[in-house]
Amino acid sequence: MIKTAGQLVARSHGEPIAIRHEDAVRRSLEHACLLANLCDSYRGRETVVLDLTHISPLFDFFVITTGNNRRQLVSIAEAGDDLMASRGTERLGREGSDQPWICHDYGDVVLHVFTEEGRKLYDLENLWGDALRVDYPEVLKTMGVSPVL
């Protein structure tokens, strides 16, 4: 990521793939970290935030968590919708209502809520292995939010 006059230019193999305003990326990071904290508050396991800003022009961050059962997966995903709506961002898409994986797309941030088996099957952390892991508890602290952990 190259910073130029308030804009961030994502590059892949030296070629620009996206130009984003610095404030937009910061807002996306805050949303992703708040979603991760919400996952933890709903007892999601192994929650991670992946920074994809240097890999994809389609989205900035993935939030990935694992639930114990279908009810918990749905609860986390629905609470994610409520949180994002309260921050002025509506869900753009939803997949996996009856699968081992619920995916909610909020534009720049995508929430993935898996069963344990689904997470192993889809293995997004490996698929997006070039993504950087965000230390979301630290980001939350800079936002004045106490991490649930």
C-alpha atoms as a PDB file:
ATOM      1  CA  MET A   1       0.000   0.000   0.000  1.00  0.00           C
ATOM      2  CA  ILE A   2       1.449   3.354  -1.027  1.00  0.00           C
ATOM      3  CA  LYS A   3       0.237   6.550   0.638  1.00  0.00           C
ATOM      4  CA  THR A   4      -0.171   9.645  -1.539  1.00  0.00           C
ATOM      5  CA  ALA A   5      -1.926  12.864  -0.446  1.00  0.00           C
ATOM      6  CA  GLY A   6      -4.687  11.272   1.655  1.00  0.00           C
ATOM      7  CA  GLN A   7      -5.127   8.339  -0.695  1.00  0.00           C
ATOM      8  CA  LEU A   8      -3.896   4.785  -0.470  1.00  0.00           C
ATOM      9  CA  VAL A   9      -2.864   3.004  -3.652  1.00  0.00           C
ATOM     10  CA  ALA A  10      -2.962  -0.775  -3.448  1.00  0.00           C
ATOM     11  CA  ARG A  11      -0.538  -2.535  -5.760  1.00  0.00           C
ATOM     12  CA  SER A  12      -0.200  -6.130  -6.844  1.00  0.00           C
ATOM     13  CA  HIS A  13       3.013  -7.141  -8.604  1.00  0.00           C
ATOM     14  CA  GLY A  14       3.829  -3.445  -8.977  1.00  0.00           C
ATOM     15  CA  GLU A  15       0.575  -2.579 -10.745  1.00  0.00           C
ATOM     16  CA  PRO A  16      -2.071  -0.395  -9.079  1.00  0.00           C
ATOM     17  CA  ILE A  17      -5.233  -2.377  -8.314  1.00  0.00           C
ATOM     18  CA  ALA A  18      -7.187   0.132  -6.223  1.00  0.00           C
ATOM     19  CA  ILE A  19      -7.103   3.719  -5.085  1.00  0.00           C
ATOM     20  CA  ARG A  20      -8.912   4.369  -1.823  1.00  0.00           C
ATOM     21  CA  HIS A  21      -9.218   7.408   0.357  1.00  0.00           C
ATOM     22  CA  GLU A  22      -7.365   6.980   3.635  1.00  0.00           C
ATOM     23  CA  ASP A  23     -10.487   7.818   5.694  1.00  0.00           C
ATOM     24  CA  ALA A  24     -12.508   5.120   3.901  1.00  0.00           C
ATOM     25  CA  VAL A  25      -9.909   2.454   4.681  1.00  0.00           C
ATOM     26  CA  ARG A  26      -9.715   3.596   8.320  1.00  0.00           C
ATOM     27  CA  ARG A  27     -13.519   3.412   8.606  1.00  0.00           C
ATOM     28  CA  SER A  28     -13.481  -0.095   7.098  1.00  0.00           C
ATOM     29  CA  LEU A  29     -10.792  -1.161   9.579  1.00  0.00           C
ATOM     30  CA  GLU A  30     -12.859   0.192  12.479  1.00  0.00           C
ATOM     31  CA  HIS A  31     -15.951  -1.655  11.226  1.00  0.00           C
ATOM     32  CA  ALA A  32     -13.997  -4.897  10.851  1.00  0.00           C
ATOM     33  CA  CYS A  33     -12.551  -4.623  14.359  1.00  0.00           C
ATOM     34  CA  LEU A  34     -15.962  -3.831  15.862  1.00  0.00           C
ATOM     35  CA  LEU A  35     -17.412  -6.867  14.071  1.00  0.00           C
ATOM     36  CA  ALA A  36     -14.593  -9.044  15.412  1.00  0.00           C
ATOM     37  CA  ASN A  37     -15.292  -7.777  18.928  1.00  0.00           C
ATOM     38  CA  LEU A  38     -18.974  -8.562  18.436  1.00  0.00           C
ATOM     39  CA  CYS A  39     -18.040 -12.105  17.339  1.00  0.00           C
ATOM     40  CA  ASP A  40     -16.053 -12.507  20.538  1.00  0.00           C
ATOM     41  CA  SER A  41     -18.935 -11.166  22.621  1.00  0.00           C
ATOM     42  CA  TYR A  42     -21.173 -13.852  21.076  1.00  0.00           C
ATOM     43  CA  ARG A  43     -18.519 -16.407  21.963  1.00  0.00           C
ATOM     44  CA  GLY A  44     -17.227 -16.894  18.448  1.00  0.00           C
ATOM     45  CA  ARG A  45     -13.966 -18.831  18.420  1.00  0.00           C
ATOM     46  CA  GLU A  46     -10.654 -18.153  16.686  1.00  0.00           C
ATOM     47  CA  THR A  47     -11.846 -14.788  15.389  1.00  0.00           C
ATOM     48  CA  VAL A  48      -9.474 -13.131  12.924  1.00  0.00           C
ATOM     49  CA  VAL A  49      -9.468  -9.960  10.865  1.00  0.00           C
ATOM     50  CA  LEU A  50      -7.651 -10.196   7.546  1.00  0.00           C
ATOM     51  CA  ASP A  51      -6.418  -7.055   5.794  1.00  0.00           C
ATOM     52  CA  LEU A  52      -6.946  -7.504   2.059  1.00  0.00           C
ATOM     53  CA  THR A  53      -6.328  -3.894   1.020  1.00  0.00           C
ATOM     54  CA  HIS A  54      -3.104  -4.835  -0.771  1.00  0.00           C
ATOM     55  CA  ILE A  55      -4.620  -7.913  -2.443  1.00  0.00           C
ATOM     56  CA  SER A  56      -8.100  -7.108  -3.707  1.00  0.00           C
ATOM     57  CA  PRO A  57      -9.897  -4.019  -4.987  1.00  0.00           C
ATOM     58  CA  LEU A  58     -13.255  -5.602  -4.102  1.00  0.00           C
ATOM     59  CA  PHE A  59     -13.114  -5.469  -0.306  1.00  0.00           C
ATOM     60  CA  ASP A  60     -10.767  -4.293   2.409  1.00  0.00           C
ATOM     61  CA  PHE A  61     -11.228  -6.712   5.311  1.00  0.00           C
ATOM     62  CA  PHE A  62     -12.537 -10.173   6.131  1.00  0.00           C
ATOM     63  CA  VAL A  63     -13.761 -10.986   9.613  1.00  0.00           C
ATOM     64  CA  ILE A  64     -13.746 -14.741  10.199  1.00  0.00           C
ATOM     65  CA  THR A  65     -15.089 -16.570  13.233  1.00  0.00           C
ATOM     66  CA  THR A  66     -16.306 -20.032  14.214  1.00  0.00           C
ATOM     67  CA  GLY A  67     -19.531 -20.878  16.018  1.00  0.00           C
ATOM     68  CA  ASN A  68     -20.583 -24.016  17.844  1.00  0.00           C
ATOM     69  CA  ASN A  69     -24.015 -24.500  16.291  1.00  0.00           C
ATOM     70  CA  ARG A  70     -26.426 -23.109  13.714  1.00  0.00           C
ATOM     71  CA  ARG A  71     -28.256 -20.895  16.214  1.00  0.00           C
ATOM     72  CA  GLN A  72     -24.995 -19.238  17.279  1.00  0.00           C
ATOM     73  CA  LEU A  73     -23.944 -18.671  13.654  1.00  0.00           C
ATOM     74  CA  VAL A  74     -27.264 -16.967  12.869  1.00  0.00           C
ATOM     75  CA  SER A  75     -27.104 -14.889  16.070  1.00  0.00           C
ATOM     76  CA  ILE A  76     -23.606 -13.620  15.261  1.00  0.00           C
ATOM     77  CA  ALA A  77     -24.540 -12.794  11.659  1.00  0.00           C
ATOM     78  CA  GLU A  78     -27.762 -10.991  12.653  1.00  0.00           C
ATOM     79  CA  ALA A  79     -25.976  -9.037  15.384  1.00  0.00           C
ATOM     80  CA  GLY A  80     -23.385  -8.071  12.756  1.00  0.00           C
ATOM     81  CA  ASP A  81     -26.198  -6.626  10.629  1.00  0.00           C
ATOM     82  CA  ASP A  82     -27.477  -4.627  13.601  1.00  0.00           C
ATOM     83  CA  LEU A  83     -24.012  -3.300  14.432  1.00  0.00           C
ATOM     84  CA  MET A  84     -23.251  -2.261  10.877  1.00  0.00           C
ATOM     85  CA  ALA A  85     -26.688  -0.652  10.445  1.00  0.00           C
ATOM     86  CA  SER A  86     -26.061   1.377  13.607  1.00  0.00           C
ATOM     87  CA  ARG A  87     -22.859   2.627  11.944  1.00  0.00           C
ATOM     88  CA  GLY A  88     -24.683   3.596   8.740  1.00  0.00           C
ATOM     89  CA  THR A  89     -23.689   0.562   6.660  1.00  0.00           C
ATOM     90  CA  GLU A  90     -26.329  -1.838   5.387  1.00  0.00           C
ATOM     91  CA  ARG A  91     -25.724  -5.429   4.355  1.00  0.00           C
ATOM     92  CA  LEU A  92     -25.335  -5.709   0.573  1.00  0.00           C
ATOM     93  CA  GLY A  93     -25.479  -9.478   0.298  1.00  0.00           C
ATOM     94  CA  ARG A  94     -25.988 -12.678   2.240  1.00  0.00           C
ATOM     95  CA  GLU A  95     -25.092 -16.279   1.497  1.00  0.00           C
ATOM     96  CA  GLY A  96     -25.259 -19.577   3.321  1.00  0.00           C
ATOM     97  CA  SER A  97     -28.402 -19.327   5.400  1.00  0.00           C
ATOM     98  CA  ASP A  98     -28.619 -23.127   5.577  1.00  0.00           C
ATOM     99  CA  GLN A  99     -24.970 -24.019   5.050  1.00  0.00           C
ATOM    100  CA  PRO A 100     -21.944 -24.480   7.347  1.00  0.00           C
ATOM    101  CA  TRP A 101     -20.984 -20.911   6.488  1.00  0.00           C
ATOM    102  CA  ILE A 102     -22.839 -17.623   6.696  1.00  0.00           C
ATOM    103  CA  CYS A 103     -21.358 -14.783   4.680  1.00  0.00           C
ATOM    104  CA  HIS A 104     -22.586 -11.196   5.061  1.00  0.00           C
ATOM    105  CA  ASP A 105     -21.190  -8.606   2.669  1.00  0.00           C
ATOM    106  CA  TYR A 106     -21.079  -5.013   3.898  1.00  0.00           C
ATOM    107  CA  GLY A 107     -19.141  -3.686   0.917  1.00  0.00           C
ATOM    108  CA  ASP A 108     -15.628  -3.064   2.182  1.00  0.00           C
ATOM    109  CA  VAL A 109     -15.950  -5.594   5.009  1.00  0.00           C
ATOM    110  CA  VAL A 110     -17.157  -9.193   4.707  1.00  0.00           C
ATOM    111  CA  LEU A 111     -18.211 -11.226   7.748  1.00  0.00           C
ATOM    112  CA  HIS A 112     -17.708 -15.005   7.542  1.00  0.00           C
ATOM    113  CA  VAL A 113     -19.285 -17.103  10.304  1.00  0.00           C
ATOM    114  CA  PHE A 114     -18.410 -20.792  10.070  1.00  0.00           C
ATOM    115  CA  THR A 115     -19.113 -24.066  11.752  1.00  0.00           C
ATOM    116  CA  GLU A 116     -15.866 -25.791  12.675  1.00  0.00           C
ATOM    117  CA  GLU A 117     -16.222 -28.186   9.733  1.00  0.00           C
ATOM    118  CA  GLY A 118     -17.063 -25.360   7.318  1.00  0.00           C
ATOM    119  CA  ARG A 119     -14.032 -23.352   8.371  1.00  0.00           C
ATOM    120  CA  LYS A 120     -11.756 -26.314   7.746  1.00  0.00           C
ATOM    121  CA  LEU A 121     -13.414 -27.020   4.393  1.00  0.00           C
ATOM    122  CA  TYR A 122     -13.243 -23.485   2.985  1.00  0.00           C
ATOM    123  CA  ASP A 123      -9.948 -22.573   4.720  1.00  0.00           C
ATOM    124  CA  LEU A 124     -10.140 -18.862   3.903  1.00  0.00           C
ATOM    125  CA  GLU A 125      -7.055 -18.018   5.942  1.00  0.00           C
ATOM    126  CA  ASN A 126      -5.001 -20.265   3.667  1.00  0.00           C
ATOM    127  CA  LEU A 127      -6.827 -19.234   0.487  1.00  0.00           C
ATOM    128  CA  TRP A 128      -6.071 -15.591   1.298  1.00  0.00           C
ATOM    129  CA  GLY A 129      -2.654 -16.449   2.725  1.00  0.00           C
ATOM    130  CA  ASP A 130      -1.087 -13.172   1.543  1.00  0.00           C
ATOM    131  CA  ALA A 131      -3.496 -11.193   3.719  1.00  0.00           C
ATOM    132  CA  LEU A 132      -2.133  -9.490   6.795  1.00  0.00           C
ATOM    133  CA  ARG A 133      -3.684 -10.345  10.159  1.00  0.00           C
ATOM    134  CA  VAL A 134      -4.947  -7.340  12.053  1.00  0.00           C
ATOM    135  CA  ASP A 135      -4.356  -7.141  15.802  1.00  0.00           C
ATOM    136  CA  TYR A 136      -7.942  -6.067  16.322  1.00  0.00           C
ATOM    137  CA  PRO A 137      -7.805  -5.819  20.140  1.00  0.00           C
ATOM    138  CA  GLU A 138      -5.067  -3.205  19.752  1.00  0.00           C
ATOM    139  CA  VAL A 139      -7.026  -1.307  17.101  1.00  0.00           C
ATOM    140  CA  LEU A 140     -10.089  -1.364  19.373  1.00  0.00           C
ATOM    141  CA  LYS A 141      -8.038   0.149  22.206  1.00  0.00           C
ATOM    142  CA  THR A 142      -6.969   3.029  19.958  1.00  0.00           C
ATOM    143  CA  MET A 143     -10.678   3.559  19.229  1.00  0.00           C
ATOM    144  CA  GLY A 144     -11.456   3.697  22.958  1.00  0.00           C
ATOM    145  CA  VAL A 145     -13.306   0.364  22.849  1.00  0.00           C
ATOM    146  CA  SER A 146     -12.549  -2.403  25.349  1.00  0.00           C
ATOM    147  CA  PRO A 147     -11.921  -5.750  23.617  1.00  0.00           C
ATOM    148  CA  VAL A 148     -14.182  -8.561  24.825  1.00  0.00           C
ATOM    149  CA  LEU A 149     -11.457 -11.214  24.838  1.00  0.00           C
END
